[in-house]
PDB file of all heavy atoms in Angstrom:
ATOM      1  N   GLN A   1      92.560  52.336 -70.882  1.00  0.00           N
ATOM      2  CA  GLN A   1      93.633  53.051 -70.117  1.00  0.00           C
ATOM      3  C   GLN A   1      93.452  52.803 -68.637  1.00  0.00           C
ATOM      4  O   GLN A   1      94.297  52.682 -67.871  1.00  0.00           O
ATOM      5  CB  GLN A   1      93.654  54.512 -70.495  1.00  0.00           C
ATOM      6  CG  GLN A   1      94.183  54.712 -71.943  1.00  0.00           C
ATOM      7  CD  GLN A   1      95.477  54.101 -72.230  1.00  0.00           C
ATOM      8  OE1 GLN A   1      96.408  54.061 -71.391  1.00  0.00           O
ATOM      9  NE2 GLN A   1      95.690  53.577 -73.382  1.00  0.00           N
ATOM     10  N   ARG A   2      92.074  52.894 -68.094  1.00  0.00           N
ATOM     11  CA  ARG A   2      91.782  52.602 -66.792  1.00  0.00           C
ATOM     12  C   ARG A   2      92.242  51.216 -66.353  1.00  0.00           C
ATOM     13  O   ARG A   2      92.767  50.963 -65.285  1.00  0.00           O
ATOM     14  CB  ARG A   2      90.280  52.871 -66.495  1.00  0.00           C
ATOM     15  CG  ARG A   2      89.927  54.210 -66.385  1.00  0.00           C
ATOM     16  CD  ARG A   2      88.454  54.450 -65.853  1.00  0.00           C
ATOM     17  NE  ARG A   2      87.907  55.692 -66.172  1.00  0.00           N
ATOM     18  CZ  ARG A   2      87.122  55.949 -67.217  1.00  0.00           C
ATOM     19  NH1 ARG A   2      86.695  54.837 -67.996  1.00  0.00           N
ATOM     20  NH2 ARG A   2      86.799  57.121 -67.488  1.00  0.00           N
ATOM     21  N   PHE A   3      91.972  50.229 -67.263  1.00  0.00           N
ATOM     22  CA  PHE A   3      92.254  48.891 -67.017  1.00  0.00           C
ATOM     23  C   PHE A   3      93.831  48.626 -66.923  1.00  0.00           C
ATOM     24  O   PHE A   3      94.301  48.017 -65.853  1.00  0.00           O
ATOM     25  CB  PHE A   3      91.754  48.004 -68.113  1.00  0.00           C
ATOM     26  CG  PHE A   3      92.274  46.641 -68.193  1.00  0.00           C
ATOM     27  CD1 PHE A   3      91.884  45.587 -67.353  1.00  0.00           C
ATOM     28  CD2 PHE A   3      93.300  46.299 -69.137  1.00  0.00           C
ATOM     29  CE1 PHE A   3      92.423  44.322 -67.364  1.00  0.00           C
ATOM     30  CE2 PHE A   3      93.805  44.986 -69.243  1.00  0.00           C
ATOM     31  CZ  PHE A   3      93.331  44.017 -68.362  1.00  0.00           C
ATOM     32  N   ARG A   4      94.582  49.364 -67.843  1.00  0.00           N
ATOM     33  CA  ARG A   4      95.996  49.365 -67.682  1.00  0.00           C
ATOM     34  C   ARG A   4      96.581  49.861 -66.408  1.00  0.00           C
ATOM     35  O   ARG A   4      97.425  49.470 -65.795  1.00  0.00           O
ATOM     36  CB  ARG A   4      96.568  50.015 -68.902  1.00  0.00           C
ATOM     37  CG  ARG A   4      96.493  49.251 -70.247  1.00  0.00           C
ATOM     38  CD  ARG A   4      97.207  49.960 -71.318  1.00  0.00           C
ATOM     39  NE  ARG A   4      98.653  49.984 -71.034  1.00  0.00           N
ATOM     40  CZ  ARG A   4      99.508  50.765 -71.679  1.00  0.00           C
ATOM     41  NH1 ARG A   4      99.077  51.557 -72.574  1.00  0.00           N
ATOM     42  NH2 ARG A   4     100.768  50.818 -71.284  1.00  0.00           N
ATOM     43  N   GLU A   5      95.956  51.046 -66.031  1.00  0.00           N
ATOM     44  CA  GLU A   5      96.428  51.858 -64.824  1.00  0.00           C
ATOM     45  C   GLU A   5      96.096  50.932 -63.591  1.00  0.00           C
ATOM     46  O   GLU A   5      96.939  50.817 -62.687  1.00  0.00           O
ATOM     47  CB  GLU A   5      95.614  53.104 -64.746  1.00  0.00           C
ATOM     48  CG  GLU A   5      96.129  53.999 -63.598  1.00  0.00           C
ATOM     49  CD  GLU A   5      95.489  53.786 -62.258  1.00  0.00           C
ATOM     50  OE1 GLU A   5      94.289  53.204 -62.133  1.00  0.00           O
ATOM     51  OE2 GLU A   5      96.102  53.951 -61.213  1.00  0.00           O
ATOM     52  N   GLU A   6      95.012  50.257 -63.569  1.00  0.00           N
ATOM     53  CA  GLU A   6      94.651  49.411 -62.371  1.00  0.00           C
ATOM     54  C   GLU A   6      95.612  48.244 -62.344  1.00  0.00           C
ATOM     55  O   GLU A   6      96.088  47.816 -61.367  1.00  0.00           O
ATOM     56  CB  GLU A   6      93.196  48.897 -62.456  1.00  0.00           C
ATOM     57  CG  GLU A   6      92.665  48.023 -61.381  1.00  0.00           C
ATOM     58  CD  GLU A   6      91.299  47.525 -61.587  1.00  0.00           C
ATOM     59  OE1 GLU A   6      90.568  48.031 -62.378  1.00  0.00           O
ATOM     60  OE2 GLU A   6      91.026  46.536 -61.014  1.00  0.00           O
ATOM     61  N   ARG A   7      95.854  47.569 -63.545  1.00  0.00           N
ATOM     62  CA  ARG A   7      96.828  46.547 -63.498  1.00  0.00           C
ATOM     63  C   ARG A   7      98.210  46.840 -63.120  1.00  0.00           C
ATOM     64  O   ARG A   7      98.889  46.171 -62.355  1.00  0.00           O
ATOM     65  CB  ARG A   7      96.803  45.904 -65.003  1.00  0.00           C
ATOM     66  CG  ARG A   7      97.574  44.579 -65.069  1.00  0.00           C
ATOM     67  CD  ARG A   7      97.459  44.023 -66.539  1.00  0.00           C
ATOM     68  NE  ARG A   7      97.963  44.984 -67.536  1.00  0.00           N
ATOM     69  CZ  ARG A   7      97.891  44.839 -68.765  1.00  0.00           C
ATOM     70  NH1 ARG A   7      97.171  43.866 -69.231  1.00  0.00           N
ATOM     71  NH2 ARG A   7      98.332  45.679 -69.621  1.00  0.00           N
ATOM     72  N   PHE A   8      98.570  48.089 -63.555  1.00  0.00           N
ATOM     73  CA  PHE A   8      99.958  48.609 -63.163  1.00  0.00           C
ATOM     74  C   PHE A   8     100.005  48.891 -61.600  1.00  0.00           C
ATOM     75  O   PHE A   8     100.946  48.583 -61.002  1.00  0.00           O
ATOM     76  CB  PHE A   8     100.208  49.882 -63.979  1.00  0.00           C
ATOM     77  CG  PHE A   8     101.558  50.507 -63.666  1.00  0.00           C
ATOM     78  CD1 PHE A   8     102.781  49.902 -64.063  1.00  0.00           C
ATOM     79  CD2 PHE A   8     101.617  51.657 -62.920  1.00  0.00           C
ATOM     80  CE1 PHE A   8     103.929  50.531 -63.732  1.00  0.00           C
ATOM     81  CE2 PHE A   8     102.763  52.326 -62.489  1.00  0.00           C
ATOM     82  CZ  PHE A   8     104.048  51.643 -62.979  1.00  0.00           C
ATOM     83  N   ARG A   9      98.883  49.429 -61.102  1.00  0.00           N
ATOM     84  CA  ARG A   9      98.813  49.748 -59.747  1.00  0.00           C
ATOM     85  C   ARG A   9      98.940  48.474 -58.869  1.00  0.00           C
ATOM     86  O   ARG A   9      99.641  48.411 -57.880  1.00  0.00           O
ATOM     87  CB  ARG A   9      97.621  50.482 -59.351  1.00  0.00           C
ATOM     88  CG  ARG A   9      97.436  50.858 -57.884  1.00  0.00           C
ATOM     89  CD  ARG A   9      96.251  51.758 -57.578  1.00  0.00           C
ATOM     90  NE  ARG A   9      95.004  51.252 -58.207  1.00  0.00           N
ATOM     91  CZ  ARG A   9      94.280  50.130 -57.690  1.00  0.00           C
ATOM     92  NH1 ARG A   9      94.661  49.620 -56.646  1.00  0.00           N
ATOM     93  NH2 ARG A   9      93.131  49.843 -58.276  1.00  0.00           N
ATOM     94  N   VAL A  10      98.219  47.415 -59.263  1.00  0.00           N
ATOM     95  CA  VAL A  10      98.298  46.136 -58.577  1.00  0.00           C
ATOM     96  C   VAL A  10      99.702  45.578 -58.551  1.00  0.00           C
ATOM     97  O   VAL A  10     100.224  45.087 -57.597  1.00  0.00           O
ATOM     98  CB  VAL A  10      97.290  45.170 -59.185  1.00  0.00           C
ATOM     99  CG1 VAL A  10      97.528  43.792 -58.742  1.00  0.00           C
ATOM    100  CG2 VAL A  10      95.846  45.633 -58.939  1.00  0.00           C
ATOM    101  N   THR A  11     100.384  45.654 -59.832  1.00  0.00           N
ATOM    102  CA  THR A  11     101.774  45.168 -59.962  1.00  0.00           C
ATOM    103  C   THR A  11     102.665  45.998 -58.957  1.00  0.00           C
ATOM    104  O   THR A  11     103.628  45.421 -58.444  1.00  0.00           O
ATOM    105  CB  THR A  11     102.253  45.289 -61.377  1.00  0.00           C
ATOM    106  OG1 THR A  11     101.282  44.510 -62.151  1.00  0.00           O
ATOM    107  CG2 THR A  11     103.467  44.736 -61.663  1.00  0.00           C
ATOM    108  N   SER A  12     102.487  47.316 -59.011  1.00  0.00           N
ATOM    109  CA  SER A  12     103.401  48.187 -58.219  1.00  0.00           C
ATOM    110  C   SER A  12     103.183  47.795 -56.758  1.00  0.00           C
ATOM    111  O   SER A  12     104.188  47.665 -55.944  1.00  0.00           O
ATOM    112  CB  SER A  12     103.033  49.627 -58.447  1.00  0.00           C
ATOM    113  OG  SER A  12     103.275  50.073 -59.725  1.00  0.00           O
ATOM    114  N   GLU A  13     101.953  47.673 -56.217  1.00  0.00           N
ATOM    115  CA  GLU A  13     101.743  47.325 -54.809  1.00  0.00           C
ATOM    116  C   GLU A  13     102.363  45.988 -54.458  1.00  0.00           C
ATOM    117  O   GLU A  13     103.020  45.845 -53.424  1.00  0.00           O
ATOM    118  CB  GLU A  13     100.238  47.422 -54.593  1.00  0.00           C
ATOM    119  CG  GLU A  13      99.588  48.706 -54.477  1.00  0.00           C
ATOM    120  CD  GLU A  13      98.148  48.737 -54.283  1.00  0.00           C
ATOM    121  OE1 GLU A  13      97.517  47.648 -54.352  1.00  0.00           O
ATOM    122  OE2 GLU A  13      97.573  49.889 -54.297  1.00  0.00           O
ATOM    123  N   SER A  14     102.159  44.998 -55.424  1.00  0.00           N
ATOM    124  CA  SER A  14     102.824  43.699 -55.181  1.00  0.00           C
ATOM    125  C   SER A  14     104.374  43.691 -54.998  1.00  0.00           C
ATOM    126  O   SER A  14     104.925  43.176 -54.185  1.00  0.00           O
ATOM    127  CB  SER A  14     102.339  42.832 -56.268  1.00  0.00           C
ATOM    128  OG  SER A  14     103.088  41.545 -56.183  1.00  0.00           O
ATOM    129  N   THR A  15     104.928  44.565 -56.002  1.00  0.00           N
ATOM    130  CA  THR A  15     106.366  44.716 -55.964  1.00  0.00           C
ATOM    131  C   THR A  15     106.861  45.388 -54.739  1.00  0.00           C
ATOM    132  O   THR A  15     107.788  45.035 -54.126  1.00  0.00           O
ATOM    133  CB  THR A  15     106.845  45.517 -57.185  1.00  0.00           C
ATOM    134  OG1 THR A  15     106.277  44.830 -58.389  1.00  0.00           O
ATOM    135  CG2 THR A  15     108.287  45.616 -57.210  1.00  0.00           C
ATOM    136  N   ASN A  16     106.112  46.433 -54.278  1.00  0.00           N
ATOM    137  CA  ASN A  16     106.501  47.166 -53.050  1.00  0.00           C
ATOM    138  C   ASN A  16     106.288  46.254 -51.854  1.00  0.00           C
ATOM    139  O   ASN A  16     107.224  46.364 -50.972  1.00  0.00           O
ATOM    140  CB  ASN A  16     105.496  48.397 -52.846  1.00  0.00           C
ATOM    141  CG  ASN A  16     105.861  49.507 -53.777  1.00  0.00           C
ATOM    142  OD1 ASN A  16     106.974  49.503 -54.341  1.00  0.00           O
ATOM    143  ND2 ASN A  16     104.953  50.378 -54.085  1.00  0.00           N
ATOM    144  N   GLN A  17     105.391  45.393 -51.785  1.00  0.00           N
ATOM    145  CA  GLN A  17     105.149  44.433 -50.712  1.00  0.00           C
ATOM    146  C   GLN A  17     106.308  43.486 -50.638  1.00  0.00           C
ATOM    147  O   GLN A  17     106.875  43.082 -49.632  1.00  0.00           O
ATOM    148  CB  GLN A  17     103.835  43.788 -50.786  1.00  0.00           C
ATOM    149  CG  GLN A  17     103.411  43.112 -49.505  1.00  0.00           C
ATOM    150  CD  GLN A  17     102.006  42.496 -49.719  1.00  0.00           C
ATOM    151  OE1 GLN A  17     101.494  42.260 -50.799  1.00  0.00           O
ATOM    152  NE2 GLN A  17     101.326  42.285 -48.599  1.00  0.00           N
ATOM    153  N   ARG A  18     106.650  42.944 -51.821  1.00  0.00           N
ATOM    154  CA  ARG A  18     107.797  41.984 -51.942  1.00  0.00           C
ATOM    155  C   ARG A  18     109.124  42.610 -51.467  1.00  0.00           C
ATOM    156  O   ARG A  18     109.915  41.983 -50.782  1.00  0.00           O
ATOM    157  CB  ARG A  18     107.982  41.401 -53.299  1.00  0.00           C
ATOM    158  CG  ARG A  18     106.754  40.440 -53.665  1.00  0.00           C
ATOM    159  CD  ARG A  18     106.892  39.887 -55.062  1.00  0.00           C
ATOM    160  NE  ARG A  18     105.741  39.163 -55.340  1.00  0.00           N
ATOM    161  CZ  ARG A  18     105.564  38.584 -56.620  1.00  0.00           C
ATOM    162  NH1 ARG A  18     106.388  38.858 -57.533  1.00  0.00           N
ATOM    163  NH2 ARG A  18     104.477  37.784 -56.840  1.00  0.00           N
ATOM    164  N   VAL A  19     109.384  43.920 -51.913  1.00  0.00           N
ATOM    165  CA  VAL A  19     110.584  44.563 -51.494  1.00  0.00           C
ATOM    166  C   VAL A  19     110.557  44.688 -50.009  1.00  0.00           C
ATOM    167  O   VAL A  19     111.649  44.559 -49.358  1.00  0.00           O
ATOM    168  CB  VAL A  19     110.721  45.972 -52.274  1.00  0.00           C
ATOM    169  CG1 VAL A  19     111.771  46.795 -51.618  1.00  0.00           C
ATOM    170  CG2 VAL A  19     110.927  45.645 -53.773  1.00  0.00           C
ATOM    171  N   LEU A  20     109.473  45.153 -49.409  1.00  0.00           N
ATOM    172  CA  LEU A  20     109.389  45.314 -47.921  1.00  0.00           C
ATOM    173  C   LEU A  20     109.783  44.108 -47.199  1.00  0.00           C
ATOM    174  O   LEU A  20     110.625  43.959 -46.294  1.00  0.00           O
ATOM    175  CB  LEU A  20     108.039  45.774 -47.513  1.00  0.00           C
ATOM    176  CG  LEU A  20     107.754  45.842 -46.064  1.00  0.00           C
ATOM    177  CD1 LEU A  20     108.584  46.953 -45.451  1.00  0.00           C
ATOM    178  CD2 LEU A  20     106.255  46.191 -45.755  1.00  0.00           C
ATOM    179  N   TRP A  21     109.137  42.927 -47.659  1.00  0.00           N
ATOM    180  CA  TRP A  21     109.367  41.574 -47.037  1.00  0.00           C
ATOM    181  C   TRP A  21     110.750  41.176 -47.246  1.00  0.00           C
ATOM    182  O   TRP A  21     111.408  40.554 -46.267  1.00  0.00           O
ATOM    183  CB  TRP A  21     108.306  40.561 -47.443  1.00  0.00           C
ATOM    184  CG  TRP A  21     107.036  40.719 -46.759  1.00  0.00           C
ATOM    185  CD1 TRP A  21     105.848  41.125 -47.426  1.00  0.00           C
ATOM    186  CD2 TRP A  21     106.642  40.574 -45.448  1.00  0.00           C
ATOM    187  NE1 TRP A  21     104.770  41.237 -46.495  1.00  0.00           N
ATOM    188  CE2 TRP A  21     105.240  40.919 -45.350  1.00  0.00           C
ATOM    189  CE3 TRP A  21     107.377  40.234 -44.311  1.00  0.00           C
ATOM    190  CZ2 TRP A  21     104.628  40.820 -44.067  1.00  0.00           C
ATOM    191  CZ3 TRP A  21     106.710  40.193 -43.100  1.00  0.00           C
ATOM    192  CH2 TRP A  21     105.371  40.469 -42.934  1.00  0.00           C
ATOM    193  N   TRP A  22     111.341  41.412 -48.348  1.00  0.00           N
ATOM    194  CA  TRP A  22     112.744  41.039 -48.600  1.00  0.00           C
ATOM    195  C   TRP A  22     113.656  41.833 -47.712  1.00  0.00           C
ATOM    196  O   TRP A  22     114.676  41.335 -47.256  1.00  0.00           O
ATOM    197  CB  TRP A  22     113.107  41.240 -50.068  1.00  0.00           C
ATOM    198  CG  TRP A  22     114.565  41.039 -50.405  1.00  0.00           C
ATOM    199  CD1 TRP A  22     115.385  41.827 -50.854  1.00  0.00           C
ATOM    200  CD2 TRP A  22     115.223  39.756 -50.402  1.00  0.00           C
ATOM    201  NE1 TRP A  22     116.609  41.239 -51.100  1.00  0.00           N
ATOM    202  CE2 TRP A  22     116.510  39.976 -50.781  1.00  0.00           C
ATOM    203  CE3 TRP A  22     114.813  38.485 -50.002  1.00  0.00           C
ATOM    204  CZ2 TRP A  22     117.440  38.928 -50.840  1.00  0.00           C
ATOM    205  CZ3 TRP A  22     115.705  37.525 -50.103  1.00  0.00           C
ATOM    206  CH2 TRP A  22     117.042  37.730 -50.439  1.00  0.00           C
ATOM    207  N   SER A  23     113.403  43.207 -47.487  1.00  0.00           N
ATOM    208  CA  SER A  23     114.224  43.975 -46.599  1.00  0.00           C
ATOM    209  C   SER A  23     114.095  43.525 -45.234  1.00  0.00           C
ATOM    210  O   SER A  23     115.183  43.373 -44.479  1.00  0.00           O
ATOM    211  CB  SER A  23     113.698  45.414 -46.668  1.00  0.00           C
ATOM    212  OG  SER A  23     113.849  45.895 -47.955  1.00  0.00           O
ATOM    213  N   ILE A  24     112.892  43.102 -44.735  1.00  0.00           N
ATOM    214  CA  ILE A  24     112.781  42.522 -43.326  1.00  0.00           C
ATOM    215  C   ILE A  24     113.516  41.214 -43.304  1.00  0.00           C
ATOM    216  O   ILE A  24     114.235  41.029 -42.332  1.00  0.00           O
ATOM    217  CB  ILE A  24     111.278  42.427 -43.108  1.00  0.00           C
ATOM    218  CG1 ILE A  24     110.611  43.741 -42.961  1.00  0.00           C
ATOM    219  CG2 ILE A  24     111.103  41.581 -41.724  1.00  0.00           C
ATOM    220  CD1 ILE A  24     109.085  43.706 -42.797  1.00  0.00           C
ATOM    221  N   ALA A  25     113.474  40.456 -44.274  1.00  0.00           N
ATOM    222  CA  ALA A  25     114.171  39.095 -44.302  1.00  0.00           C
ATOM    223  C   ALA A  25     115.711  39.341 -44.179  1.00  0.00           C
ATOM    224  O   ALA A  25     116.359  38.670 -43.434  1.00  0.00           O
ATOM    225  CB  ALA A  25     113.753  38.303 -45.392  1.00  0.00           C
ATOM    226  N   GLN A  26     116.181  40.389 -44.909  1.00  0.00           N
ATOM    227  CA  GLN A  26     117.647  40.610 -44.807  1.00  0.00           C
ATOM    228  C   GLN A  26     118.046  41.074 -43.493  1.00  0.00           C
ATOM    229  O   GLN A  26     119.150  40.686 -42.991  1.00  0.00           O
ATOM    230  CB  GLN A  26     117.948  41.738 -45.990  1.00  0.00           C
ATOM    231  CG  GLN A  26     118.081  41.161 -47.312  1.00  0.00           C
ATOM    232  CD  GLN A  26     118.467  42.229 -48.304  1.00  0.00           C
ATOM    233  OE1 GLN A  26     117.930  43.413 -48.217  1.00  0.00           O
ATOM    234  NE2 GLN A  26     119.352  41.936 -49.289  1.00  0.00           N
ATOM    235  N   VAL A  27     117.210  41.982 -42.850  1.00  0.00           N
ATOM    236  CA  VAL A  27     117.599  42.464 -41.594  1.00  0.00           C
ATOM    237  C   VAL A  27     117.666  41.253 -40.517  1.00  0.00           C
ATOM    238  O   VAL A  27     118.511  41.252 -39.805  1.00  0.00           O
ATOM    239  CB  VAL A  27     116.698  43.599 -41.090  1.00  0.00           C
ATOM    240  CG1 VAL A  27     116.738  43.907 -39.604  1.00  0.00           C
ATOM    241  CG2 VAL A  27     116.722  44.784 -41.970  1.00  0.00           C
ATOM    242  N   VAL A  28     116.577  40.421 -40.634  1.00  0.00           N
ATOM    243  CA  VAL A  28     116.602  39.347 -39.654  1.00  0.00           C
ATOM    244  C   VAL A  28     117.743  38.410 -39.932  1.00  0.00           C
ATOM    245  O   VAL A  28     118.396  37.955 -38.912  1.00  0.00           O
ATOM    246  CB  VAL A  28     115.211  38.467 -39.924  1.00  0.00           C
ATOM    247  CG1 VAL A  28     115.310  37.271 -39.195  1.00  0.00           C
ATOM    248  CG2 VAL A  28     114.083  39.348 -39.387  1.00  0.00           C
ATOM    249  N   ILE A  29     118.141  38.098 -41.219  1.00  0.00           N
ATOM    250  CA  ILE A  29     119.262  37.227 -41.431  1.00  0.00           C
ATOM    251  C   ILE A  29     120.588  37.921 -40.896  1.00  0.00           C
ATOM    252  O   ILE A  29     121.487  37.313 -40.326  1.00  0.00           O
ATOM    253  CB  ILE A  29     119.458  36.921 -42.986  1.00  0.00           C
ATOM    254  CG1 ILE A  29     118.221  36.061 -43.344  1.00  0.00           C
ATOM    255  CG2 ILE A  29     120.751  36.355 -43.340  1.00  0.00           C
ATOM    256  CD1 ILE A  29     118.082  35.907 -44.936  1.00  0.00           C
ATOM    257  N   LEU A  30     120.798  39.258 -41.131  1.00  0.00           N
ATOM    258  CA  LEU A  30     121.942  39.957 -40.649  1.00  0.00           C
ATOM    259  C   LEU A  30     122.050  39.943 -39.133  1.00  0.00           C
ATOM    260  O   LEU A  30     123.116  39.700 -38.602  1.00  0.00           O
ATOM    261  CB  LEU A  30     121.954  41.344 -41.211  1.00  0.00           C
ATOM    262  CG  LEU A  30     122.365  41.448 -42.754  1.00  0.00           C
ATOM    263  CD1 LEU A  30     122.097  43.019 -43.191  1.00  0.00           C
ATOM    264  CD2 LEU A  30     123.755  41.075 -42.967  1.00  0.00           C
ATOM    265  N   CYS A  31     120.909  40.216 -38.460  1.00  0.00           N
ATOM    266  CA  CYS A  31     120.827  40.147 -36.984  1.00  0.00           C
ATOM    267  C   CYS A  31     121.212  38.808 -36.483  1.00  0.00           C
ATOM    268  O   CYS A  31     121.956  38.658 -35.613  1.00  0.00           O
ATOM    269  CB  CYS A  31     119.568  40.646 -36.464  1.00  0.00           C
ATOM    270  SG  CYS A  31     119.313  42.425 -36.756  1.00  0.00           S
ATOM    271  N   SER A  32     120.637  37.756 -37.100  1.00  0.00           N
ATOM    272  CA  SER A  32     120.909  36.459 -36.734  1.00  0.00           C
ATOM    273  C   SER A  32     122.436  35.985 -36.928  1.00  0.00           C
ATOM    274  O   SER A  32     123.051  35.428 -36.035  1.00  0.00           O
ATOM    275  CB  SER A  32     119.991  35.396 -37.510  1.00  0.00           C
ATOM    276  OG  SER A  32     118.650  35.691 -37.416  1.00  0.00           O
ATOM    277  N   MET A  33     122.904  36.430 -38.075  1.00  0.00           N
ATOM    278  CA  MET A  33     124.334  36.145 -38.309  1.00  0.00           C
ATOM    279  C   MET A  33     125.219  36.868 -37.249  1.00  0.00           C
ATOM    280  O   MET A  33     126.232  36.310 -36.739  1.00  0.00           O
ATOM    281  CB  MET A  33     124.777  36.522 -39.810  1.00  0.00           C
ATOM    282  CG  MET A  33     124.191  35.699 -40.752  1.00  0.00           C
ATOM    283  SD  MET A  33     124.841  34.078 -40.754  1.00  0.00           S
ATOM    284  CE  MET A  33     126.556  34.355 -41.266  1.00  0.00           C
ATOM    285  N   GLY A  34     124.982  38.124 -36.947  1.00  0.00           N
ATOM    286  CA  GLY A  34     125.689  38.889 -36.022  1.00  0.00           C
ATOM    287  C   GLY A  34     125.684  38.325 -34.621  1.00  0.00           C
ATOM    288  O   GLY A  34     126.664  38.103 -33.816  1.00  0.00           O
ATOM    289  N   PHE A  35     124.385  37.733 -34.161  1.00  0.00           N
ATOM    290  CA  PHE A  35     124.266  37.146 -32.943  1.00  0.00           C
ATOM    291  C   PHE A  35     125.031  35.882 -32.884  1.00  0.00           C
ATOM    292  O   PHE A  35     125.784  35.540 -31.862  1.00  0.00           O
ATOM    293  CB  PHE A  35     122.766  37.013 -32.642  1.00  0.00           C
ATOM    294  CG  PHE A  35     122.482  36.328 -31.369  1.00  0.00           C
ATOM    295  CD1 PHE A  35     122.632  36.942 -30.187  1.00  0.00           C
ATOM    296  CD2 PHE A  35     122.118  34.917 -31.364  1.00  0.00           C
ATOM    297  CE1 PHE A  35     122.344  36.350 -28.976  1.00  0.00           C
ATOM    298  CE2 PHE A  35     121.754  34.308 -30.056  1.00  0.00           C
ATOM    299  CZ  PHE A  35     121.905  35.006 -28.936  1.00  0.00           C
ATOM    300  N   TRP A  36     124.812  35.143 -33.921  1.00  0.00           N
ATOM    301  CA  TRP A  36     125.655  33.812 -33.960  1.00  0.00           C
ATOM    302  C   TRP A  36     127.203  34.037 -33.915  1.00  0.00           C
ATOM    303  O   TRP A  36     127.926  33.302 -33.183  1.00  0.00           O
ATOM    304  CB  TRP A  36     125.330  33.009 -35.262  1.00  0.00           C
ATOM    305  CG  TRP A  36     126.007  31.796 -35.375  1.00  0.00           C
ATOM    306  CD1 TRP A  36     125.669  30.586 -34.774  1.00  0.00           C
ATOM    307  CD2 TRP A  36     127.168  31.549 -36.161  1.00  0.00           C
ATOM    308  NE1 TRP A  36     126.604  29.675 -35.204  1.00  0.00           N
ATOM    309  CE2 TRP A  36     127.584  30.224 -36.009  1.00  0.00           C
ATOM    310  CE3 TRP A  36     127.910  32.326 -37.018  1.00  0.00           C
ATOM    311  CZ2 TRP A  36     128.629  29.593 -36.660  1.00  0.00           C
ATOM    312  CZ3 TRP A  36     129.036  31.696 -37.634  1.00  0.00           C
ATOM    313  CH2 TRP A  36     129.395  30.434 -37.533  1.00  0.00           C
ATOM    314  N   GLN A  37     127.647  35.025 -34.650  1.00  0.00           N
ATOM    315  CA  GLN A  37     129.095  35.297 -34.635  1.00  0.00           C
ATOM    316  C   GLN A  37     129.543  35.780 -33.261  1.00  0.00           C
ATOM    317  O   GLN A  37     130.694  35.360 -32.762  1.00  0.00           O
ATOM    318  CB  GLN A  37     129.457  36.471 -35.622  1.00  0.00           C
ATOM    319  CG  GLN A  37     129.364  35.936 -37.129  1.00  0.00           C
ATOM    320  CD  GLN A  37     129.783  36.920 -38.097  1.00  0.00           C
ATOM    321  OE1 GLN A  37     129.621  38.100 -37.746  1.00  0.00           O
ATOM    322  NE2 GLN A  37     130.170  36.553 -39.288  1.00  0.00           N
ATOM    323  N   MET A  38     128.771  36.555 -32.537  1.00  0.00           N
ATOM    324  CA  MET A  38     129.173  37.014 -31.194  1.00  0.00           C
ATOM    325  C   MET A  38     129.178  35.873 -30.288  1.00  0.00           C
ATOM    326  O   MET A  38     130.164  35.728 -29.478  1.00  0.00           O
ATOM    327  CB  MET A  38     128.126  38.071 -30.690  1.00  0.00           C
ATOM    328  CG  MET A  38     128.144  39.340 -31.411  1.00  0.00           C
ATOM    329  SD  MET A  38     129.752  40.218 -31.188  1.00  0.00           S
ATOM    330  CE  MET A  38     129.677  40.674 -29.554  1.00  0.00           C
ATOM    331  N   ARG A  39     128.224  34.964 -30.305  1.00  0.00           N
ATOM    332  CA  ARG A  39     128.284  33.783 -29.496  1.00  0.00           C
ATOM    333  C   ARG A  39     129.392  32.904 -29.806  1.00  0.00           C
ATOM    334  O   ARG A  39     130.171  32.327 -28.968  1.00  0.00           O
ATOM    335  CB  ARG A  39     126.973  32.923 -29.609  1.00  0.00           C
ATOM    336  CG  ARG A  39     125.786  33.721 -28.881  1.00  0.00           C
ATOM    337  CD  ARG A  39     124.644  32.665 -28.686  1.00  0.00           C
ATOM    338  NE  ARG A  39     125.071  31.509 -28.010  1.00  0.00           N
ATOM    339  CZ  ARG A  39     124.406  30.692 -27.440  1.00  0.00           C
ATOM    340  NH1 ARG A  39     123.027  30.875 -27.520  1.00  0.00           N
ATOM    341  NH2 ARG A  39     124.783  29.707 -26.671  1.00  0.00           N
ATOM    342  N   HIS A  40     129.723  32.684 -31.122  1.00  0.00           N
ATOM    343  CA  HIS A  40     130.776  31.846 -31.436  1.00  0.00           C
ATOM    344  C   HIS A  40     132.109  32.382 -31.043  1.00  0.00           C
ATOM    345  O   HIS A  40     132.970  31.584 -30.508  1.00  0.00           O
ATOM    346  CB  HIS A  40     130.833  31.684 -33.002  1.00  0.00           C
ATOM    347  CG  HIS A  40     131.833  30.798 -33.500  1.00  0.00           C
ATOM    348  ND1 HIS A  40     131.864  29.418 -33.329  1.00  0.00           N
ATOM    349  CD2 HIS A  40     132.986  31.013 -34.234  1.00  0.00           C
ATOM    350  CE1 HIS A  40     132.973  28.877 -33.802  1.00  0.00           C
ATOM    351  NE2 HIS A  40     133.669  29.874 -34.462  1.00  0.00           N
ATOM    352  N   LEU A  41     132.340  33.783 -31.160  1.00  0.00           N
ATOM    353  CA  LEU A  41     133.595  34.370 -30.737  1.00  0.00           C
ATOM    354  C   LEU A  41     133.691  34.214 -29.186  1.00  0.00           C
ATOM    355  O   LEU A  41     134.882  34.026 -28.656  1.00  0.00           O
ATOM    356  CB  LEU A  41     133.642  35.826 -31.155  1.00  0.00           C
ATOM    357  CG  LEU A  41     133.966  35.994 -32.624  1.00  0.00           C
ATOM    358  CD1 LEU A  41     133.796  37.440 -33.094  1.00  0.00           C
ATOM    359  CD2 LEU A  41     135.369  35.599 -32.925  1.00  0.00           C
ATOM    360  N   ARG A  42     132.642  34.517 -28.505  1.00  0.00           N
ATOM    361  CA  ARG A  42     132.639  34.450 -27.011  1.00  0.00           C
ATOM    362  C   ARG A  42     133.051  33.073 -26.522  1.00  0.00           C
ATOM    363  O   ARG A  42     133.887  32.912 -25.657  1.00  0.00           O
ATOM    364  CB  ARG A  42     131.288  34.809 -26.482  1.00  0.00           C
ATOM    365  CG  ARG A  42     131.260  34.901 -24.936  1.00  0.00           C
ATOM    366  CD  ARG A  42     130.077  35.464 -24.441  1.00  0.00           C
ATOM    367  NE  ARG A  42     130.101  35.549 -23.062  1.00  0.00           N
ATOM    368  CZ  ARG A  42     129.063  35.759 -22.307  1.00  0.00           C
ATOM    369  NH1 ARG A  42     127.814  35.931 -22.846  1.00  0.00           N
ATOM    370  NH2 ARG A  42     129.159  35.752 -20.956  1.00  0.00           N
TER     371      ARG A  42
END
């Protein structure tokens, strides 16, 4: 049970890290698209 808990914790931490990096990537993409659209419209 300790082995399973440790494996689950590692999986959870990995998933949380991936979600965080995916959120950061989405924000960067959205900001880049907004900046590009403003320059294009201008």
